[in-house]
Amino acid sequence: MNARERTELHLDALRRVFLELPEIEAETLKIVSAEGDPHRAPVHSIRFVPDEELTGRRDQTHDVTARLPEDTRAHLQSLFHEAREEINR
Protein backbone atom coordinates (compact mmCIF):
# COMPACT_ATOMS: atom_id res chain seq x y z
CA MET A 1 0.00 0.00 0.00
CA ASN A 2 1.17 3.46 -0.76
CA ALA A 3 0.82 6.41 1.64
CA ARG A 4 -2.44 7.61 0.07
CA GLU A 5 -4.05 4.17 0.35
CA ARG A 6 -2.96 3.84 3.98
CA THR A 7 -4.37 7.28 4.74
CA GLU A 8 -7.68 6.37 3.10
CA LEU A 9 -7.78 3.12 5.07
CA HIS A 10 -7.18 4.93 8.37
CA LEU A 11 -9.75 7.60 7.51
CA ASP A 12 -12.33 4.92 6.68
CA ALA A 13 -11.63 3.11 9.96
CA LEU A 14 -12.06 6.34 11.94
CA ARG A 15 -15.30 7.13 10.10
CA ARG A 16 -16.65 3.71 10.97
CA VAL A 17 -15.76 4.10 14.65
CA PHE A 18 -17.08 7.64 15.04
CA LEU A 19 -20.10 7.54 12.69
CA GLU A 20 -21.22 4.02 11.89
CA LEU A 21 -20.73 2.39 15.29
CA PRO A 22 -22.96 4.93 17.11
CA GLU A 23 -25.66 4.40 14.46
CA ILE A 24 -25.49 0.63 14.96
CA GLU A 25 -25.62 1.10 18.72
CA ALA A 26 -28.66 3.41 18.49
CA GLU A 27 -30.50 0.94 16.23
CA THR A 28 -29.65 -1.89 18.62
CA LEU A 29 -31.18 0.05 21.49
CA LYS A 30 -34.34 0.65 19.44
CA ILE A 31 -34.66 -3.06 18.70
CA VAL A 32 -34.00 -4.14 22.29
CA SER A 33 -36.31 -1.58 23.83
CA ALA A 34 -39.12 -2.39 21.38
CA GLU A 35 -40.30 1.21 21.09
CA GLY A 36 -44.05 1.52 21.29
CA ASP A 37 -44.52 -1.75 23.17
CA PRO A 38 -46.28 -0.83 26.42
CA HIS A 39 -45.46 -4.22 27.93
CA ARG A 40 -41.70 -3.73 27.87
CA ALA A 41 -39.56 -1.37 29.91
CA PRO A 42 -37.48 1.15 27.94
CA VAL A 43 -33.78 0.35 27.49
CA HIS A 44 -31.39 3.29 27.60
CA SER A 45 -28.07 1.45 27.60
CA ILE A 46 -26.49 -1.99 27.44
CA ARG A 47 -23.25 -2.94 29.14
CA PHE A 48 -21.11 -5.83 27.95
CA VAL A 49 -18.81 -7.11 30.68
CA PRO A 50 -16.33 -9.88 29.93
CA ASP A 51 -16.47 -13.06 31.96
CA GLU A 52 -13.79 -12.84 34.67
CA GLU A 53 -13.12 -16.55 34.41
CA LEU A 54 -12.23 -16.23 30.73
CA THR A 55 -10.28 -12.98 30.79
CA GLY A 56 -9.21 -12.53 34.38
CA ARG A 57 -10.30 -8.89 34.06
CA ARG A 58 -13.51 -6.91 34.30
CA ASP A 59 -12.11 -3.57 33.14
CA GLN A 60 -12.84 -4.18 29.46
CA THR A 61 -16.50 -3.18 29.49
CA HIS A 62 -18.34 -1.75 26.52
CA ASP A 63 -21.42 0.42 26.92
CA VAL A 64 -23.95 0.73 24.12
CA THR A 65 -25.80 4.03 24.40
CA ALA A 66 -27.39 6.56 22.06
CA ARG A 67 -24.69 9.14 22.68
CA LEU A 68 -23.95 11.00 19.45
CA PRO A 69 -26.07 14.14 18.98
CA GLU A 70 -27.26 14.70 15.42
CA ASP A 71 -25.44 18.02 15.00
CA THR A 72 -22.16 16.41 16.10
CA ARG A 73 -22.72 13.52 13.71
CA ALA A 74 -23.38 15.92 10.82
CA HIS A 75 -20.25 17.91 11.65
CA LEU A 76 -18.11 14.77 11.78
CA GLN A 77 -19.58 13.57 8.48
CA SER A 78 -18.63 16.89 6.92
CA LEU A 79 -15.08 16.69 8.29
CA PHE A 80 -14.59 13.17 6.94
CA HIS A 81 -15.95 14.25 3.56
CA GLU A 82 -13.55 17.22 3.43
CA ALA A 83 -10.62 15.01 4.43
CA ARG A 84 -11.45 12.50 1.69
CA GLU A 85 -11.64 15.31 -0.89
CA GLU A 86 -8.27 16.63 0.28
CA ILE A 87 -6.69 13.18 -0.04
CA ASN A 88 -8.02 12.75 -3.57
CA ARG A 89 -6.58 16.04 -4.85
PDB file of N, CA and C in Angstrom:
ATOM      1  N   MET A   1       0.840  -1.193   0.000  1.00  0.00           N
ATOM      2  CA  MET A   1       0.000   0.000   0.000  1.00  0.00           C
ATOM      3  C   MET A   1       0.876   1.244   0.000  1.00  0.00           C
ATOM      4  N   ASN A   2       0.437   2.207  -0.775  1.00  0.00           N
ATOM      5  CA  ASN A   2       1.172   3.464  -0.755  1.00  0.00           C
ATOM      6  C   ASN A   2       0.599   4.362   0.353  1.00  0.00           C
ATOM      7  N   ALA A   3       1.209   5.521   0.539  1.00  0.00           N
ATOM      8  CA  ALA A   3       0.818   6.414   1.638  1.00  0.00           C
ATOM      9  C   ALA A   3      -0.636   6.871   1.495  1.00  0.00           C
ATOM     10  N   ARG A   4      -1.065   7.163   0.285  1.00  0.00           N
ATOM     11  CA  ARG A   4      -2.445   7.611   0.067  1.00  0.00           C
ATOM     12  C   ARG A   4      -3.449   6.514   0.445  1.00  0.00           C
ATOM     13  N   GLU A   5      -3.159   5.289   0.032  1.00  0.00           N
ATOM     14  CA  GLU A   5      -4.054   4.172   0.350  1.00  0.00           C
ATOM     15  C   GLU A   5      -4.115   3.914   1.855  1.00  0.00           C
ATOM     16  N   ARG A   6      -2.969   4.017   2.527  1.00  0.00           N
ATOM     17  CA  ARG A   6      -2.958   3.842   3.985  1.00  0.00           C
ATOM     18  C   ARG A   6      -3.757   4.942   4.666  1.00  0.00           C
ATOM     19  N   THR A   7      -3.621   6.159   4.173  1.00  0.00           N
ATOM     20  CA  THR A   7      -4.372   7.281   4.740  1.00  0.00           C
ATOM     21  C   THR A   7      -5.867   7.074   4.548  1.00  0.00           C
ATOM     22  N   GLU A   8      -6.272   6.640   3.357  1.00  0.00           N
ATOM     23  CA  GLU A   8      -7.684   6.367   3.098  1.00  0.00           C
ATOM     24  C   GLU A   8      -8.206   5.246   3.998  1.00  0.00           C
ATOM     25  N   LEU A   9      -7.387   4.223   4.205  1.00  0.00           N
ATOM     26  CA  LEU A   9      -7.777   3.117   5.072  1.00  0.00           C
ATOM     27  C   LEU A   9      -7.983   3.589   6.511  1.00  0.00           C
ATOM     28  N   HIS A  10      -7.052   4.401   7.009  1.00  0.00           N
ATOM     29  CA  HIS A  10      -7.182   4.935   8.368  1.00  0.00           C
ATOM     30  C   HIS A  10      -8.391   5.855   8.489  1.00  0.00           C
ATOM     31  N   LEU A  11      -8.609   6.686   7.494  1.00  0.00           N
ATOM     32  CA  LEU A  11      -9.745   7.597   7.513  1.00  0.00           C
ATOM     33  C   LEU A  11     -11.061   6.808   7.515  1.00  0.00           C
ATOM     34  N   ASP A  12     -11.125   5.751   6.716  1.00  0.00           N
ATOM     35  CA  ASP A  12     -12.328   4.924   6.678  1.00  0.00           C
ATOM     36  C   ASP A  12     -12.563   4.238   8.025  1.00  0.00           C
ATOM     37  N   ALA A  13     -11.488   3.758   8.647  1.00  0.00           N
ATOM     38  CA  ALA A  13     -11.627   3.114   9.957  1.00  0.00           C
ATOM     39  C   ALA A  13     -12.142   4.104  11.002  1.00  0.00           C
ATOM     40  N   LEU A  14     -11.610   5.316  10.997  1.00  0.00           N
ATOM     41  CA  LEU A  14     -12.065   6.337  11.945  1.00  0.00           C
ATOM     42  C   LEU A  14     -13.524   6.703  11.702  1.00  0.00           C
ATOM     43  N   ARG A  15     -13.904   6.821  10.433  1.00  0.00           N
ATOM     44  CA  ARG A  15     -15.298   7.133  10.098  1.00  0.00           C
ATOM     45  C   ARG A  15     -16.230   6.050  10.624  1.00  0.00           C
ATOM     46  N   ARG A  16     -15.824   4.813  10.484  1.00  0.00           N
ATOM     47  CA  ARG A  16     -16.652   3.711  10.969  1.00  0.00           C
ATOM     48  C   ARG A  16     -16.799   3.755  12.495  1.00  0.00           C
ATOM     49  N   VAL A  17     -15.712   4.053  13.188  1.00  0.00           N
ATOM     50  CA  VAL A  17     -15.760   4.100  14.654  1.00  0.00           C
ATOM     51  C   VAL A  17     -16.615   5.269  15.129  1.00  0.00           C
ATOM     52  N   PHE A  18     -16.407   6.443  14.545  1.00  0.00           N
ATOM     53  CA  PHE A  18     -17.085   7.645  15.043  1.00  0.00           C
ATOM     54  C   PHE A  18     -18.487   7.852  14.481  1.00  0.00           C
ATOM     55  N   LEU A  19     -18.791   7.316  13.302  1.00  0.00           N
ATOM     56  CA  LEU A  19     -20.102   7.544  12.694  1.00  0.00           C
ATOM     57  C   LEU A  19     -20.958   6.290  12.601  1.00  0.00           C
ATOM     58  N   GLU A  20     -20.408   5.212  12.096  1.00  0.00           N
ATOM     59  CA  GLU A  20     -21.222   4.018  11.888  1.00  0.00           C
ATOM     60  C   GLU A  20     -21.511   3.264  13.180  1.00  0.00           C
ATOM     61  N   LEU A  21     -20.521   3.126  14.043  1.00  0.00           N
ATOM     62  CA  LEU A  21     -20.734   2.390  15.289  1.00  0.00           C
ATOM     63  C   LEU A  21     -21.832   3.020  16.146  1.00  0.00           C
ATOM     64  N   PRO A  22     -21.848   4.353  16.340  1.00  0.00           N
ATOM     65  CA  PRO A  22     -22.956   4.932  17.110  1.00  0.00           C
ATOM     66  C   PRO A  22     -24.325   4.701  16.460  1.00  0.00           C
ATOM     67  N   GLU A  23     -24.390   4.683  15.135  1.00  0.00           N
ATOM     68  CA  GLU A  23     -25.659   4.400  14.456  1.00  0.00           C
ATOM     69  C   GLU A  23     -26.102   2.973  14.731  1.00  0.00           C
ATOM     70  N   ILE A  24     -25.168   2.036  14.673  1.00  0.00           N
ATOM     71  CA  ILE A  24     -25.486   0.632  14.957  1.00  0.00           C
ATOM     72  C   ILE A  24     -25.944   0.485  16.402  1.00  0.00           C
ATOM     73  N   GLU A  25     -25.249   1.170  17.315  1.00  0.00           N
ATOM     74  CA  GLU A  25     -25.625   1.104  18.721  1.00  0.00           C
ATOM     75  C   GLU A  25     -27.019   1.672  18.956  1.00  0.00           C
ATOM     76  N   ALA A  26     -27.337   2.797  18.323  1.00  0.00           N
ATOM     77  CA  ALA A  26     -28.659   3.408  18.487  1.00  0.00           C
ATOM     78  C   ALA A  26     -29.750   2.486  17.946  1.00  0.00           C
ATOM     79  N   GLU A  27     -29.516   1.864  16.798  1.00  0.00           N
ATOM     80  CA  GLU A  27     -30.499   0.942  16.232  1.00  0.00           C
ATOM     81  C   GLU A  27     -30.665  -0.287  17.114  1.00  0.00           C
ATOM     82  N   THR A  28     -29.575  -0.750  17.708  1.00  0.00           N
ATOM     83  CA  THR A  28     -29.646  -1.889  18.621  1.00  0.00           C
ATOM     84  C   THR A  28     -30.527  -1.560  19.816  1.00  0.00           C
ATOM     85  N   LEU A  29     -30.356  -0.361  20.361  1.00  0.00           N
ATOM     86  CA  LEU A  29     -31.183   0.050  21.495  1.00  0.00           C
ATOM     87  C   LEU A  29     -32.654   0.129  21.110  1.00  0.00           C
ATOM     88  N   LYS A  30     -32.946   0.591  19.898  1.00  0.00           N
ATOM     89  CA  LYS A  30     -34.337   0.646  19.440  1.00  0.00           C
ATOM     90  C   LYS A  30     -34.937  -0.753  19.364  1.00  0.00           C
ATOM     91  N   ILE A  31     -34.169  -1.686  18.839  1.00  0.00           N
ATOM     92  CA  ILE A  31     -34.659  -3.058  18.703  1.00  0.00           C
ATOM     93  C   ILE A  31     -34.880  -3.688  20.073  1.00  0.00           C
ATOM     94  N   VAL A  32     -33.912  -3.528  20.967  1.00  0.00           N
ATOM     95  CA  VAL A  32     -33.996  -4.145  22.291  1.00  0.00           C
ATOM     96  C   VAL A  32     -35.121  -3.535  23.118  1.00  0.00           C
ATOM     97  N   SER A  33     -35.296  -2.224  23.005  1.00  0.00           N
ATOM     98  CA  SER A  33     -36.312  -1.578  23.830  1.00  0.00           C
ATOM     99  C   SER A  33     -37.713  -1.734  23.257  1.00  0.00           C
ATOM    100  N   ALA A  34     -37.816  -2.183  22.033  1.00  0.00           N
ATOM    101  CA  ALA A  34     -39.118  -2.385  21.377  1.00  0.00           C
ATOM    102  C   ALA A  34     -39.997  -1.154  21.560  1.00  0.00           C
ATOM    103  N   GLU A  35     -39.561  -0.047  20.980  1.00  0.00           N
ATOM    104  CA  GLU A  35     -40.301   1.208  21.091  1.00  0.00           C
ATOM    105  C   GLU A  35     -41.769   1.008  20.739  1.00  0.00           C
ATOM    106  N   GLY A  36     -42.616   1.596  21.540  1.00  0.00           N
ATOM    107  CA  GLY A  36     -44.045   1.516  21.292  1.00  0.00           C
ATOM    108  C   GLY A  36     -44.719   0.310  21.928  1.00  0.00           C
ATOM    109  N   ASP A  37     -43.940  -0.575  22.508  1.00  0.00           N
ATOM    110  CA  ASP A  37     -44.520  -1.755  23.168  1.00  0.00           C
ATOM    111  C   ASP A  37     -44.759  -1.417  24.635  1.00  0.00           C
ATOM    112  N   PRO A  38     -45.996  -1.242  25.042  1.00  0.00           N
ATOM    113  CA  PRO A  38     -46.284  -0.832  26.421  1.00  0.00           C
ATOM    114  C   PRO A  38     -45.977  -1.914  27.458  1.00  0.00           C
ATOM    115  N   HIS A  39     -45.713  -3.117  27.015  1.00  0.00           N
ATOM    116  CA  HIS A  39     -45.461  -4.221  27.934  1.00  0.00           C
ATOM    117  C   HIS A  39     -43.977  -4.402  28.252  1.00  0.00           C
ATOM    118  N   ARG A  40     -43.136  -3.597  27.640  1.00  0.00           N
ATOM    119  CA  ARG A  40     -41.700  -3.732  27.872  1.00  0.00           C
ATOM    120  C   ARG A  40     -41.130  -2.428  28.408  1.00  0.00           C
ATOM    121  N   ALA A  41     -40.217  -2.551  29.335  1.00  0.00           N
ATOM    122  CA  ALA A  41     -39.559  -1.374  29.909  1.00  0.00           C
ATOM    123  C   ALA A  41     -38.584  -0.789  28.891  1.00  0.00           C
ATOM    124  N   PRO A  42     -38.430   0.544  28.877  1.00  0.00           N
ATOM    125  CA  PRO A  42     -37.481   1.153  27.942  1.00  0.00           C
ATOM    126  C   PRO A  42     -36.041   0.785  28.310  1.00  0.00           C
ATOM    127  N   VAL A  43     -35.200   0.650  27.298  1.00  0.00           N
ATOM    128  CA  VAL A  43     -33.784   0.354  27.490  1.00  0.00           C
ATOM    129  C   VAL A  43     -33.004   1.577  27.038  1.00  0.00           C
ATOM    130  N   HIS A  44     -32.161   2.101  27.926  1.00  0.00           N
ATOM    131  CA  HIS A  44     -31.386   3.294  27.600  1.00  0.00           C
ATOM    132  C   HIS A  44     -29.919   2.981  27.350  1.00  0.00           C
ATOM    133  N   SER A  45     -29.458   1.846  27.849  1.00  0.00           N
ATOM    134  CA  SER A  45     -28.074   1.448  27.601  1.00  0.00           C
ATOM    135  C   SER A  45     -27.919  -0.050  27.838  1.00  0.00           C
ATOM    136  N   ILE A  46     -26.850  -0.581  27.273  1.00  0.00           N
ATOM    137  CA  ILE A  46     -26.495  -1.988  27.443  1.00  0.00           C
ATOM    138  C   ILE A  46     -25.014  -2.005  27.807  1.00  0.00           C
ATOM    139  N   ARG A  47     -24.656  -2.833  28.750  1.00  0.00           N
ATOM    140  CA  ARG A  47     -23.247  -2.945  29.139  1.00  0.00           C
ATOM    141  C   ARG A  47     -22.794  -4.380  28.927  1.00  0.00           C
ATOM    142  N   PHE A  48     -21.723  -4.530  28.159  1.00  0.00           N
ATOM    143  CA  PHE A  48     -21.109  -5.829  27.953  1.00  0.00           C
ATOM    144  C   PHE A  48     -19.898  -5.924  28.871  1.00  0.00           C
ATOM    145  N   VAL A  49     -19.897  -6.916  29.727  1.00  0.00           N
ATOM    146  CA  VAL A  49     -18.809  -7.112  30.678  1.00  0.00           C
ATOM    147  C   VAL A  49     -18.224  -8.492  30.428  1.00  0.00           C
ATOM    148  N   PRO A  50     -16.916  -8.571  30.194  1.00  0.00           N
ATOM    149  CA  PRO A  50     -16.329  -9.881  29.930  1.00  0.00           C
ATOM    150  C   PRO A  50     -16.394 -10.792  31.157  1.00  0.00           C
ATOM    151  N   ASP A  51     -16.454 -12.068  30.902  1.00  0.00           N
ATOM    152  CA  ASP A  51     -16.472 -13.063  31.964  1.00  0.00           C
ATOM    153  C   ASP A  51     -15.100 -13.100  32.632  1.00  0.00           C
ATOM    154  N   GLU A  52     -15.061 -12.862  33.943  1.00  0.00           N
ATOM    155  CA  GLU A  52     -13.791 -12.838  34.672  1.00  0.00           C
ATOM    156  C   GLU A  52     -13.038 -14.153  34.537  1.00  0.00           C
ATOM    157  N   GLU A  53     -13.766 -15.246  34.492  1.00  0.00           N
ATOM    158  CA  GLU A  53     -13.117 -16.549  34.409  1.00  0.00           C
ATOM    159  C   GLU A  53     -12.378 -16.725  33.084  1.00  0.00           C
ATOM    160  N   LEU A  54     -12.872 -16.099  32.039  1.00  0.00           N
ATOM    161  CA  LEU A  54     -12.228 -16.233  30.728  1.00  0.00           C
ATOM    162  C   LEU A  54     -11.101 -15.236  30.524  1.00  0.00           C
ATOM    163  N   THR A  55     -11.272 -14.025  31.043  1.00  0.00           N
ATOM    164  CA  THR A  55     -10.284 -12.977  30.787  1.00  0.00           C
ATOM    165  C   THR A  55      -9.425 -12.640  31.987  1.00  0.00           C
ATOM    166  N   GLY A  56      -9.934 -12.925  33.179  1.00  0.00           N
ATOM    167  CA  GLY A  56      -9.206 -12.534  34.382  1.00  0.00           C
ATOM    168  C   GLY A  56      -9.359 -11.054  34.695  1.00  0.00           C
ATOM    169  N   ARG A  57     -10.129 -10.337  33.879  1.00  0.00           N
ATOM    170  CA  ARG A  57     -10.301  -8.893  34.058  1.00  0.00           C
ATOM    171  C   ARG A  57     -11.759  -8.513  33.850  1.00  0.00           C
ATOM    172  N   ARG A  58     -12.172  -7.445  34.519  1.00  0.00           N
ATOM    173  CA  ARG A  58     -13.514  -6.908  34.299  1.00  0.00           C
ATOM    174  C   ARG A  58     -13.442  -5.462  33.813  1.00  0.00           C
ATOM    175  N   ASP A  59     -12.256  -4.981  33.514  1.00  0.00           N
ATOM    176  CA  ASP A  59     -12.112  -3.574  33.139  1.00  0.00           C
ATOM    177  C   ASP A  59     -12.250  -3.338  31.638  1.00  0.00           C
ATOM    178  N   GLN A  60     -12.677  -4.337  30.901  1.00  0.00           N
ATOM    179  CA  GLN A  60     -12.845  -4.180  29.461  1.00  0.00           C
ATOM    180  C   GLN A  60     -14.329  -4.143  29.102  1.00  0.00           C
ATOM    181  N   THR A  61     -15.061  -3.262  29.751  1.00  0.00           N
ATOM    182  CA  THR A  61     -16.497  -3.179  29.488  1.00  0.00           C
ATOM    183  C   THR A  61     -16.757  -2.349  28.236  1.00  0.00           C
ATOM    184  N   HIS A  62     -17.919  -2.546  27.671  1.00  0.00           N
ATOM    185  CA  HIS A  62     -18.345  -1.746  26.522  1.00  0.00           C
ATOM    186  C   HIS A  62     -19.794  -1.364  26.730  1.00  0.00           C
ATOM    187  N   ASP A  63     -20.054  -0.076  26.756  1.00  0.00           N
ATOM    188  CA  ASP A  63     -21.415   0.423  26.923  1.00  0.00           C
ATOM    189  C   ASP A  63     -21.997   0.790  25.573  1.00  0.00           C
ATOM    190  N   VAL A  64     -23.217   0.367  25.330  1.00  0.00           N
ATOM    191  CA  VAL A  64     -23.949   0.734  24.118  1.00  0.00           C
ATOM    192  C   VAL A  64     -25.001   1.743  24.538  1.00  0.00           C
ATOM    193  N   THR A  65     -24.850   2.975  24.068  1.00  0.00           N
ATOM    194  CA  THR A  65     -25.802   4.030  24.396  1.00  0.00           C
ATOM    195  C   THR A  65     -26.015   4.911  23.175  1.00  0.00           C
ATOM    196  N   ALA A  66     -27.136   5.585  23.122  1.00  0.00           N
ATOM    197  CA  ALA A  66     -27.389   6.559  22.056  1.00  0.00           C
ATOM    198  C   ALA A  66     -26.717   7.856  22.493  1.00  0.00           C
ATOM    199  N   ARG A  67     -25.482   8.058  22.097  1.00  0.00           N
ATOM    200  CA  ARG A  67     -24.693   9.139  22.678  1.00  0.00           C
ATOM    201  C   ARG A  67     -24.175  10.178  21.687  1.00  0.00           C
ATOM    202  N   LEU A  68     -24.492  10.064  20.421  1.00  0.00           N
ATOM    203  CA  LEU A  68     -23.955  11.002  19.447  1.00  0.00           C
ATOM    204  C   LEU A  68     -25.059  11.931  18.963  1.00  0.00           C
ATOM    205  N   PRO A  69     -25.032  13.187  19.425  1.00  0.00           N
ATOM    206  CA  PRO A  69     -26.066  14.142  18.978  1.00  0.00           C
ATOM    207  C   PRO A  69     -26.021  14.329  17.455  1.00  0.00           C
ATOM    208  N   GLU A  70     -27.154  14.591  16.868  1.00  0.00           N
ATOM    209  CA  GLU A  70     -27.255  14.703  15.416  1.00  0.00           C
ATOM    210  C   GLU A  70     -26.370  15.808  14.844  1.00  0.00           C
ATOM    211  N   ASP A  71     -26.284  16.945  15.522  1.00  0.00           N
ATOM    212  CA  ASP A  71     -25.436  18.023  15.001  1.00  0.00           C
ATOM    213  C   ASP A  71     -23.964  17.635  15.017  1.00  0.00           C
ATOM    214  N   THR A  72     -23.543  16.892  16.025  1.00  0.00           N
ATOM    215  CA  THR A  72     -22.158  16.415  16.099  1.00  0.00           C
ATOM    216  C   THR A  72     -21.895  15.403  14.996  1.00  0.00           C
ATOM    217  N   ARG A  73     -22.863  14.519  14.769  1.00  0.00           N
ATOM    218  CA  ARG A  73     -22.719  13.523  13.714  1.00  0.00           C
ATOM    219  C   ARG A  73     -22.604  14.192  12.349  1.00  0.00           C
ATOM    220  N   ALA A  74     -23.420  15.195  12.097  1.00  0.00           N
ATOM    221  CA  ALA A  74     -23.379  15.917  10.818  1.00  0.00           C
ATOM    222  C   ALA A  74     -22.042  16.633  10.637  1.00  0.00           C
ATOM    223  N   HIS A  75     -21.550  17.221  11.717  1.00  0.00           N
ATOM    224  CA  HIS A  75     -20.252  17.914  11.652  1.00  0.00           C
ATOM    225  C   HIS A  75     -19.127  16.924  11.358  1.00  0.00           C
ATOM    226  N   LEU A  76     -19.134  15.788  12.025  1.00  0.00           N
ATOM    227  CA  LEU A  76     -18.114  14.767  11.780  1.00  0.00           C
ATOM    228  C   LEU A  76     -18.193  14.249  10.350  1.00  0.00           C
ATOM    229  N   GLN A  77     -19.404  14.035   9.852  1.00  0.00           N
ATOM    230  CA  GLN A  77     -19.583  13.568   8.477  1.00  0.00           C
ATOM    231  C   GLN A  77     -18.972  14.574   7.504  1.00  0.00           C
ATOM    232  N   SER A  78     -19.195  15.843   7.764  1.00  0.00           N
ATOM    233  CA  SER A  78     -18.634  16.892   6.918  1.00  0.00           C
ATOM    234  C   SER A  78     -17.106  16.889   6.964  1.00  0.00           C
ATOM    235  N   LEU A  79     -16.548  16.726   8.150  1.00  0.00           N
ATOM    236  CA  LEU A  79     -15.084  16.691   8.289  1.00  0.00           C
ATOM    237  C   LEU A  79     -14.478  15.503   7.548  1.00  0.00           C
ATOM    238  N   PHE A  80     -15.107  14.340   7.652  1.00  0.00           N
ATOM    239  CA  PHE A  80     -14.593  13.173   6.943  1.00  0.00           C
ATOM    240  C   PHE A  80     -14.702  13.360   5.436  1.00  0.00           C
ATOM    241  N   HIS A  81     -15.781  13.986   4.988  1.00  0.00           N
ATOM    242  CA  HIS A  81     -15.948  14.254   3.558  1.00  0.00           C
ATOM    243  C   HIS A  81     -14.856  15.202   3.061  1.00  0.00           C
ATOM    244  N   GLU A  82     -14.599  16.259   3.817  1.00  0.00           N
ATOM    245  CA  GLU A  82     -13.550  17.216   3.435  1.00  0.00           C
ATOM    246  C   GLU A  82     -12.176  16.557   3.417  1.00  0.00           C
ATOM    247  N   ALA A  83     -11.911  15.706   4.390  1.00  0.00           N
ATOM    248  CA  ALA A  83     -10.624  15.015   4.435  1.00  0.00           C
ATOM    249  C   ALA A  83     -10.467  14.113   3.227  1.00  0.00           C
ATOM    250  N   ARG A  84     -11.524  13.383   2.869  1.00  0.00           N
ATOM    251  CA  ARG A  84     -11.449  12.500   1.692  1.00  0.00           C
ATOM    252  C   ARG A  84     -11.201  13.316   0.422  1.00  0.00           C
ATOM    253  N   GLU A  85     -11.865  14.459   0.279  1.00  0.00           N
ATOM    254  CA  GLU A  85     -11.641  15.313  -0.888  1.00  0.00           C
ATOM    255  C   GLU A  85     -10.196  15.794  -0.938  1.00  0.00           C
ATOM    256  N   GLU A  86      -9.659  16.150   0.220  1.00  0.00           N
ATOM    257  CA  GLU A  86      -8.272  16.630   0.279  1.00  0.00           C
ATOM    258  C   GLU A  86      -7.295  15.516  -0.118  1.00  0.00           C
ATOM    259  N   ILE A  87      -7.551  14.314   0.302  1.00  0.00           N
ATOM    260  CA  ILE A  87      -6.689  13.177  -0.036  1.00  0.00           C
ATOM    261  C   ILE A  87      -6.705  12.912  -1.542  1.00  0.00           C
ATOM    262  N   ASN A  88      -7.876  13.067  -2.149  1.00  0.00           N
ATOM    263  CA  ASN A  88      -8.022  12.747  -3.574  1.00  0.00           C
ATOM    264  C   ASN A  88      -7.564  13.864  -4.507  1.00  0.00           C
ATOM    265  N   ARG A  89      -7.073  14.954  -3.988  1.00  0.00           N
ATOM    266  CA  ARG A  89      -6.579  16.045  -4.853  1.00  0.00           C
ATOM    267  C   ARG A  89      -5.222  15.709  -5.431  1.00  0.00           C
TER     268      ARG A  89
END
